Amino acid sequence: MRAKAGPGPVVLGLTGSIGMGKSATAGMFAALGVPVHDADAAVHALYGPGGAAAAAIGAAFPGVLDPRGGVDRTRLRAAVLGAPDRMAALEALVHPLVRAASAAFLERHAGAPLVVLDVPLLFETGGEARCDAVAVVSAPPEVQRARVLARPGMTEAAFAAILAKQMPDAEKRARADFVIDTSRGFPAAEAEVAGIVARLTAGRASPHRIGA
């Protein structure tokens, strides 16, 4: 964990492999009043009709737009699955736009004591360099597998392809400042989140609970 230098909020990167419970954990930070930037939500906005990325993706990958002009994520997934060159081309289009959305979020919340950047591929894209600390959401492999394969439309092949482009969970945990284990139930994870917030905001203005 890096010492916070200068003004502005402590920036906590939140990441974790598919099926680890990262989105639910991000909600726990938000419930404590911590501003959270959801990179996936930013991508959804970019992919939507009129979104900054939709037209460019449609031009690069013909046939992936829906009738409203937004990106059909199922078609796009099929277009890039198992094709590293196409995946790299997609990332080259989307990642700069996601980083710009993240920068705008940080500017909006410059007065907060702590903010969270919720980024699934934080380590894979070098995003940890923008963070003062990183929390990894984790669970045992069998728990992860059961969660993911229970998702509608998920297949063994799709799960394997997703894992192949993600850093192994063990490596993420080794590089993390905090590890949040979601396999022990929500109350235990919520307690871990509260402890992280308390540690990172010590000596700074404390975040307030929503509605308080």
C-alpha atoms as a PDB file:
ATOM      1  CA  MET A   1       0.000   0.000   0.000  1.00  0.00           C
ATOM      2  CA  ARG A   2       1.392   3.375  -1.026  1.00  0.00           C
ATOM      3  CA  ALA A   3       1.395   6.349   1.310  1.00  0.00           C
ATOM      4  CA  LYS A   4      -1.175   8.892   0.178  1.00  0.00           C
ATOM      5  CA  ALA A   5       0.678  11.899  -1.192  1.00  0.00           C
ATOM      6  CA  GLY A   6      -0.981  15.291  -1.564  1.00  0.00           C
ATOM      7  CA  PRO A   7      -4.636  16.304  -1.493  1.00  0.00           C
ATOM      8  CA  GLY A   8      -7.575  14.352  -2.793  1.00  0.00           C
ATOM      9  CA  PRO A   9      -9.170  11.078  -1.747  1.00  0.00           C
ATOM     10  CA  VAL A  10      -7.465   7.802  -1.001  1.00  0.00           C
ATOM     11  CA  VAL A  11      -8.100   5.722  -4.137  1.00  0.00           C
ATOM     12  CA  LEU A  12      -8.862   2.061  -3.453  1.00  0.00           C
ATOM     13  CA  GLY A  13      -8.878  -0.299  -6.412  1.00  0.00           C
ATOM     14  CA  LEU A  14     -11.413  -3.104  -6.052  1.00  0.00           C
ATOM     15  CA  THR A  15     -10.994  -6.150  -8.236  1.00  0.00           C
ATOM     16  CA  GLY A  16     -11.604  -9.879  -8.389  1.00  0.00           C
ATOM     17  CA  SER A  17     -12.109 -12.636 -10.899  1.00  0.00           C
ATOM     18  CA  ILE A  18     -15.489 -13.628 -12.269  1.00  0.00           C
ATOM     19  CA  GLY A  19     -17.851 -15.134  -9.692  1.00  0.00           C
ATOM     20  CA  MET A  20     -15.951 -13.878  -6.656  1.00  0.00           C
ATOM     21  CA  GLY A  21     -18.650 -11.476  -5.460  1.00  0.00           C
ATOM     22  CA  LYS A  22     -16.986  -8.219  -6.441  1.00  0.00           C
ATOM     23  CA  SER A  23     -20.183  -6.392  -7.391  1.00  0.00           C
ATOM     24  CA  ALA A  24     -21.844  -7.263  -4.083  1.00  0.00           C
ATOM     25  CA  THR A  25     -18.717  -6.113  -2.266  1.00  0.00           C
ATOM     26  CA  ALA A  26     -18.705  -2.812  -4.153  1.00  0.00           C
ATOM     27  CA  GLY A  27     -22.242  -2.330  -2.890  1.00  0.00           C
ATOM     28  CA  MET A  28     -20.980  -2.729   0.673  1.00  0.00           C
ATOM     29  CA  PHE A  29     -18.555   0.161   0.191  1.00  0.00           C
ATOM     30  CA  ALA A  30     -21.329   2.265  -1.340  1.00  0.00           C
ATOM     31  CA  ALA A  31     -23.598   1.498   1.621  1.00  0.00           C
ATOM     32  CA  LEU A  32     -20.961   3.066   3.873  1.00  0.00           C
ATOM     33  CA  GLY A  33     -21.093   6.253   1.820  1.00  0.00           C
ATOM     34  CA  VAL A  34     -17.928   5.617  -0.181  1.00  0.00           C
ATOM     35  CA  PRO A  35     -18.212   6.818  -3.815  1.00  0.00           C
ATOM     36  CA  VAL A  36     -17.760   3.827  -6.149  1.00  0.00           C
ATOM     37  CA  HIS A  37     -16.928   3.980  -9.851  1.00  0.00           C
ATOM     38  CA  ASP A  38     -18.156   0.841 -11.611  1.00  0.00           C
ATOM     39  CA  ALA A  39     -16.057   0.220 -14.722  1.00  0.00           C
ATOM     40  CA  ASP A  40     -18.587  -2.320 -16.035  1.00  0.00           C
ATOM     41  CA  ALA A  41     -21.399   0.238 -15.727  1.00  0.00           C
ATOM     42  CA  ALA A  42     -19.223   2.737 -17.577  1.00  0.00           C
ATOM     43  CA  VAL A  43     -18.743   0.192 -20.371  1.00  0.00           C
ATOM     44  CA  HIS A  44     -22.501  -0.411 -20.548  1.00  0.00           C
ATOM     45  CA  ALA A  45     -23.022   3.334 -21.021  1.00  0.00           C
ATOM     46  CA  LEU A  46     -20.333   3.481 -23.686  1.00  0.00           C
ATOM     47  CA  TYR A  47     -21.909   0.503 -25.489  1.00  0.00           C
ATOM     48  CA  GLY A  48     -25.468   1.871 -25.358  1.00  0.00           C
ATOM     49  CA  PRO A  49     -27.247   3.679 -28.209  1.00  0.00           C
ATOM     50  CA  GLY A  50     -25.384   6.936 -28.729  1.00  0.00           C
ATOM     51  CA  GLY A  51     -22.598   5.770 -26.430  1.00  0.00           C
ATOM     52  CA  ALA A  52     -19.099   7.002 -27.188  1.00  0.00           C
ATOM     53  CA  ALA A  53     -17.887   3.522 -28.159  1.00  0.00           C
ATOM     54  CA  ALA A  54     -20.927   2.086 -29.964  1.00  0.00           C
ATOM     55  CA  ALA A  55     -20.312   3.492 -33.446  1.00  0.00           C
ATOM     56  CA  ALA A  56     -16.593   2.662 -33.411  1.00  0.00           C
ATOM     57  CA  ILE A  57     -17.257  -0.905 -32.262  1.00  0.00           C
ATOM     58  CA  GLY A  58     -19.944  -1.321 -34.913  1.00  0.00           C
ATOM     59  CA  ALA A  59     -17.499  -0.218 -37.594  1.00  0.00           C
ATOM     60  CA  ALA A  60     -14.740  -2.512 -36.335  1.00  0.00           C
ATOM     61  CA  PHE A  61     -17.017  -5.514 -35.767  1.00  0.00           C
ATOM     62  CA  PRO A  62     -19.834  -5.527 -38.341  1.00  0.00           C
ATOM     63  CA  GLY A  63     -23.060  -7.137 -37.191  1.00  0.00           C
ATOM     64  CA  VAL A  64     -22.661  -6.554 -33.437  1.00  0.00           C
ATOM     65  CA  LEU A  65     -25.031  -3.570 -33.124  1.00  0.00           C
ATOM     66  CA  ASP A  66     -28.660  -3.969 -32.110  1.00  0.00           C
ATOM     67  CA  PRO A  67     -31.548  -2.225 -33.932  1.00  0.00           C
ATOM     68  CA  ARG A  68     -31.253   0.823 -31.643  1.00  0.00           C
ATOM     69  CA  GLY A  69     -27.579   1.324 -32.472  1.00  0.00           C
ATOM     70  CA  GLY A  70     -26.204  -0.059 -29.233  1.00  0.00           C
ATOM     71  CA  VAL A  71     -23.745  -2.936 -28.911  1.00  0.00           C
ATOM     72  CA  ASP A  72     -25.265  -6.392 -28.548  1.00  0.00           C
ATOM     73  CA  ARG A  73     -22.856  -7.830 -25.990  1.00  0.00           C
ATOM     74  CA  THR A  74     -23.718 -11.438 -26.867  1.00  0.00           C
ATOM     75  CA  ARG A  75     -22.824 -10.864 -30.518  1.00  0.00           C
ATOM     76  CA  LEU A  76     -19.697  -8.956 -29.557  1.00  0.00           C
ATOM     77  CA  ARG A  77     -18.606 -11.728 -27.201  1.00  0.00           C
ATOM     78  CA  ALA A  78     -19.021 -14.248 -30.023  1.00  0.00           C
ATOM     79  CA  ALA A  79     -17.007 -12.013 -32.359  1.00  0.00           C
ATOM     80  CA  VAL A  80     -13.978 -11.809 -30.057  1.00  0.00           C
ATOM     81  CA  LEU A  81     -14.128 -15.133 -28.186  1.00  0.00           C
ATOM     82  CA  GLY A  82     -10.987 -17.137 -28.896  1.00  0.00           C
ATOM     83  CA  ALA A  83      -9.556 -14.381 -31.128  1.00  0.00           C
ATOM     84  CA  PRO A  84      -6.792 -12.523 -29.244  1.00  0.00           C
ATOM     85  CA  ASP A  85      -6.235 -10.038 -32.074  1.00  0.00           C
ATOM     86  CA  ARG A  86      -9.889  -9.034 -32.098  1.00  0.00           C
ATOM     87  CA  MET A  87      -9.960  -8.788 -28.312  1.00  0.00           C
ATOM     88  CA  ALA A  88      -6.895  -6.538 -28.403  1.00  0.00           C
ATOM     89  CA  ALA A  89      -8.547  -4.327 -31.019  1.00  0.00           C
ATOM     90  CA  LEU A  90     -11.686  -4.051 -28.870  1.00  0.00           C
ATOM     91  CA  GLU A  91      -9.670  -3.164 -25.767  1.00  0.00           C
ATOM     92  CA  ALA A  92      -7.756  -0.504 -27.705  1.00  0.00           C
ATOM     93  CA  LEU A  93     -11.086   1.131 -28.519  1.00  0.00           C
ATOM     94  CA  VAL A  94     -12.726   0.836 -25.119  1.00  0.00           C
ATOM     95  CA  HIS A  95     -10.015   1.151 -22.443  1.00  0.00           C
ATOM     96  CA  PRO A  96      -9.115   4.813 -23.137  1.00  0.00           C
ATOM     97  CA  LEU A  97     -12.802   5.759 -22.894  1.00  0.00           C
ATOM     98  CA  VAL A  98     -13.180   3.864 -19.616  1.00  0.00           C
ATOM     99  CA  ARG A  99     -10.101   5.594 -18.206  1.00  0.00           C
ATOM    100  CA  ALA A 100     -11.558   8.969 -19.187  1.00  0.00           C
ATOM    101  CA  ALA A 101     -14.791   8.132 -17.356  1.00  0.00           C
ATOM    102  CA  SER A 102     -12.743   7.115 -14.315  1.00  0.00           C
ATOM    103  CA  ALA A 103     -10.799  10.394 -14.387  1.00  0.00           C
ATOM    104  CA  ALA A 104     -14.060  12.353 -14.517  1.00  0.00           C
ATOM    105  CA  PHE A 105     -15.356  10.376 -11.518  1.00  0.00           C
ATOM    106  CA  LEU A 106     -12.230  11.192  -9.493  1.00  0.00           C
ATOM    107  CA  GLU A 107     -12.598  14.858 -10.346  1.00  0.00           C
ATOM    108  CA  ARG A 108     -16.250  14.867  -9.204  1.00  0.00           C
ATOM    109  CA  HIS A 109     -15.315  13.293  -5.863  1.00  0.00           C
ATOM    110  CA  ALA A 110     -12.079  15.165  -5.217  1.00  0.00           C
ATOM    111  CA  GLY A 111     -13.316  16.177  -1.763  1.00  0.00           C
ATOM    112  CA  ALA A 112     -14.148  12.667  -0.537  1.00  0.00           C
ATOM    113  CA  PRO A 113     -11.813  10.956   1.973  1.00  0.00           C
ATOM    114  CA  LEU A 114     -11.988   7.647   0.105  1.00  0.00           C
ATOM    115  CA  VAL A 115     -13.178   6.483  -3.313  1.00  0.00           C
ATOM    116  CA  VAL A 116     -13.341   3.032  -4.875  1.00  0.00           C
ATOM    117  CA  LEU A 117     -12.491   2.138  -8.469  1.00  0.00           C
ATOM    118  CA  ASP A 118     -14.340  -1.115  -9.173  1.00  0.00           C
ATOM    119  CA  VAL A 119     -12.393  -2.606 -12.090  1.00  0.00           C
ATOM    120  CA  PRO A 120     -12.609  -6.322 -13.013  1.00  0.00           C
ATOM    121  CA  LEU A 121      -9.301  -6.290 -14.934  1.00  0.00           C
ATOM    122  CA  LEU A 122      -7.449  -3.852 -12.675  1.00  0.00           C
ATOM    123  CA  PHE A 123      -4.150  -5.751 -12.591  1.00  0.00           C
ATOM    124  CA  GLU A 124      -4.441  -6.990 -16.156  1.00  0.00           C
ATOM    125  CA  THR A 125      -4.670  -3.420 -17.486  1.00  0.00           C
ATOM    126  CA  GLY A 126      -2.133  -1.850 -15.123  1.00  0.00           C
ATOM    127  CA  GLY A 127      -4.866   0.083 -13.350  1.00  0.00           C
ATOM    128  CA  GLU A 128      -3.325  -0.476  -9.926  1.00  0.00           C
ATOM    129  CA  ALA A 129      -0.868   2.319 -10.759  1.00  0.00           C
ATOM    130  CA  ARG A 130      -3.743   4.798 -10.303  1.00  0.00           C
ATOM    131  CA  CYS A 131      -4.582   3.443  -6.835  1.00  0.00           C
ATOM    132  CA  ASP A 132      -3.196   4.013  -3.366  1.00  0.00           C
ATOM    133  CA  ALA A 133      -4.252   0.502  -2.312  1.00  0.00           C
ATOM    134  CA  VAL A 134      -5.932  -2.543  -3.838  1.00  0.00           C
ATOM    135  CA  ALA A 135      -8.557  -4.874  -2.389  1.00  0.00           C
ATOM    136  CA  VAL A 136      -9.117  -8.252  -4.049  1.00  0.00           C
ATOM    137  CA  VAL A 137     -12.426 -10.059  -3.655  1.00  0.00           C
ATOM    138  CA  SER A 138     -11.860 -13.800  -3.505  1.00  0.00           C
ATOM    139  CA  ALA A 139     -13.454 -17.171  -2.815  1.00  0.00           C
ATOM    140  CA  PRO A 140     -12.344 -20.808  -3.112  1.00  0.00           C
ATOM    141  CA  PRO A 141     -12.273 -22.197  -6.684  1.00  0.00           C
ATOM    142  CA  GLU A 142     -15.197 -24.530  -6.109  1.00  0.00           C
ATOM    143  CA  VAL A 143     -17.360 -21.653  -4.881  1.00  0.00           C
ATOM    144  CA  GLN A 144     -16.365 -19.517  -7.848  1.00  0.00           C
ATOM    145  CA  ARG A 145     -17.118 -22.309 -10.312  1.00  0.00           C
ATOM    146  CA  ALA A 146     -20.546 -23.047  -8.856  1.00  0.00           C
ATOM    147  CA  ARG A 147     -21.516 -19.365  -8.906  1.00  0.00           C
ATOM    148  CA  VAL A 148     -20.408 -18.792 -12.486  1.00  0.00           C
ATOM    149  CA  LEU A 149     -21.905 -21.932 -14.020  1.00  0.00           C
ATOM    150  CA  ALA A 150     -25.234 -21.094 -12.350  1.00  0.00           C
ATOM    151  CA  ARG A 151     -25.495 -17.956 -14.491  1.00  0.00           C
ATOM    152  CA  PRO A 152     -27.993 -18.129 -17.380  1.00  0.00           C
ATOM    153  CA  GLY A 153     -26.301 -18.988 -20.663  1.00  0.00           C
ATOM    154  CA  MET A 154     -22.904 -19.666 -19.107  1.00  0.00           C
ATOM    155  CA  THR A 155     -21.015 -22.670 -20.470  1.00  0.00           C
ATOM    156  CA  GLU A 156     -17.832 -24.471 -19.498  1.00  0.00           C
ATOM    157  CA  ALA A 157     -16.148 -23.128 -22.643  1.00  0.00           C
ATOM    158  CA  ALA A 158     -17.162 -19.536 -21.945  1.00  0.00           C
ATOM    159  CA  PHE A 159     -16.041 -19.819 -18.330  1.00  0.00           C
ATOM    160  CA  ALA A 160     -12.662 -21.210 -19.402  1.00  0.00           C
ATOM    161  CA  ALA A 161     -12.223 -18.414 -21.960  1.00  0.00           C
ATOM    162  CA  ILE A 162     -12.975 -15.745 -19.350  1.00  0.00           C
ATOM    163  CA  LEU A 163     -10.545 -17.278 -16.861  1.00  0.00           C
ATOM    164  CA  ALA A 164      -7.855 -17.440 -19.542  1.00  0.00           C
ATOM    165  CA  LYS A 165      -7.765 -13.651 -19.880  1.00  0.00           C
ATOM    166  CA  GLN A 166      -7.867 -13.000 -16.130  1.00  0.00           C
ATOM    167  CA  MET A 167      -4.875 -13.073 -13.819  1.00  0.00           C
ATOM    168  CA  PRO A 168      -5.039 -16.162 -11.559  1.00  0.00           C
ATOM    169  CA  ASP A 169      -6.769 -15.487  -8.249  1.00  0.00           C
ATOM    170  CA  ALA A 170      -3.709 -16.595  -6.267  1.00  0.00           C
ATOM    171  CA  GLU A 171      -1.564 -13.970  -7.994  1.00  0.00           C
ATOM    172  CA  LYS A 172      -4.164 -11.270  -7.405  1.00  0.00           C
ATOM    173  CA  ARG A 173      -4.304 -12.124  -3.706  1.00  0.00           C
ATOM    174  CA  ALA A 174      -0.511 -12.033  -3.490  1.00  0.00           C
ATOM    175  CA  ARG A 175      -0.463  -8.518  -4.965  1.00  0.00           C
ATOM    176  CA  ALA A 176      -3.363  -7.168  -2.896  1.00  0.00           C
ATOM    177  CA  ASP A 177      -3.206  -4.907   0.142  1.00  0.00           C
ATOM    178  CA  PHE A 178      -6.516  -6.373   1.328  1.00  0.00           C
ATOM    179  CA  VAL A 179      -8.280  -9.663   0.530  1.00  0.00           C
ATOM    180  CA  ILE A 180     -12.047  -9.896   1.084  1.00  0.00           C
ATOM    181  CA  ASP A 181     -13.302 -13.484   1.314  1.00  0.00           C
ATOM    182  CA  THR A 182     -16.948 -13.684   0.214  1.00  0.00           C
ATOM    183  CA  SER A 183     -17.311 -17.414   0.832  1.00  0.00           C
ATOM    184  CA  ARG A 184     -18.049 -16.915   4.541  1.00  0.00           C
ATOM    185  CA  GLY A 185     -21.257 -14.984   4.001  1.00  0.00           C
ATOM    186  CA  PHE A 186     -22.265 -11.348   3.693  1.00  0.00           C
ATOM    187  CA  PRO A 187     -21.918 -10.375   7.376  1.00  0.00           C
ATOM    188  CA  ALA A 188     -18.269 -11.451   7.426  1.00  0.00           C
ATOM    189  CA  ALA A 189     -17.539  -9.626   4.161  1.00  0.00           C
ATOM    190  CA  GLU A 190     -19.330  -6.501   5.406  1.00  0.00           C
ATOM    191  CA  ALA A 191     -17.175  -6.533   8.536  1.00  0.00           C
ATOM    192  CA  GLU A 192     -14.024  -6.774   6.406  1.00  0.00           C
ATOM    193  CA  VAL A 193     -15.190  -3.875   4.246  1.00  0.00           C
ATOM    194  CA  ALA A 194     -15.952  -1.732   7.292  1.00  0.00           C
ATOM    195  CA  GLY A 195     -12.464  -2.449   8.650  1.00  0.00           C
ATOM    196  CA  ILE A 196     -10.846  -1.421   5.363  1.00  0.00           C
ATOM    197  CA  VAL A 197     -12.846   1.818   5.259  1.00  0.00           C
ATOM    198  CA  ALA A 198     -11.902   2.603   8.854  1.00  0.00           C
ATOM    199  CA  ARG A 199      -8.213   1.989   8.186  1.00  0.00           C
ATOM    200  CA  LEU A 200      -8.055   4.019   4.969  1.00  0.00           C
ATOM    201  CA  THR A 201     -10.003   6.976   6.358  1.00  0.00           C
ATOM    202  CA  ALA A 202      -8.226   7.148   9.725  1.00  0.00           C
ATOM    203  CA  GLY A 203      -7.294  10.755  10.362  1.00  0.00           C
ATOM    204  CA  ARG A 204      -9.420  11.950   7.438  1.00  0.00           C
ATOM    205  CA  ALA A 205     -13.051  13.066   7.278  1.00  0.00           C
ATOM    206  CA  SER A 206     -15.066   9.870   7.658  1.00  0.00           C
ATOM    207  CA  PRO A 207     -17.514   8.829   4.947  1.00  0.00           C
ATOM    208  CA  HIS A 208     -21.140   8.961   6.067  1.00  0.00           C
ATOM    209  CA  ARG A 209     -23.738   6.283   5.646  1.00  0.00           C
ATOM    210  CA  ILE A 210     -26.189   6.944   2.872  1.00  0.00           C
ATOM    211  CA  GLY A 211     -29.264   8.530   4.320  1.00  0.00           C
ATOM    212  CA  ALA A 212     -27.515   9.549   7.560  1.00  0.00           C
END
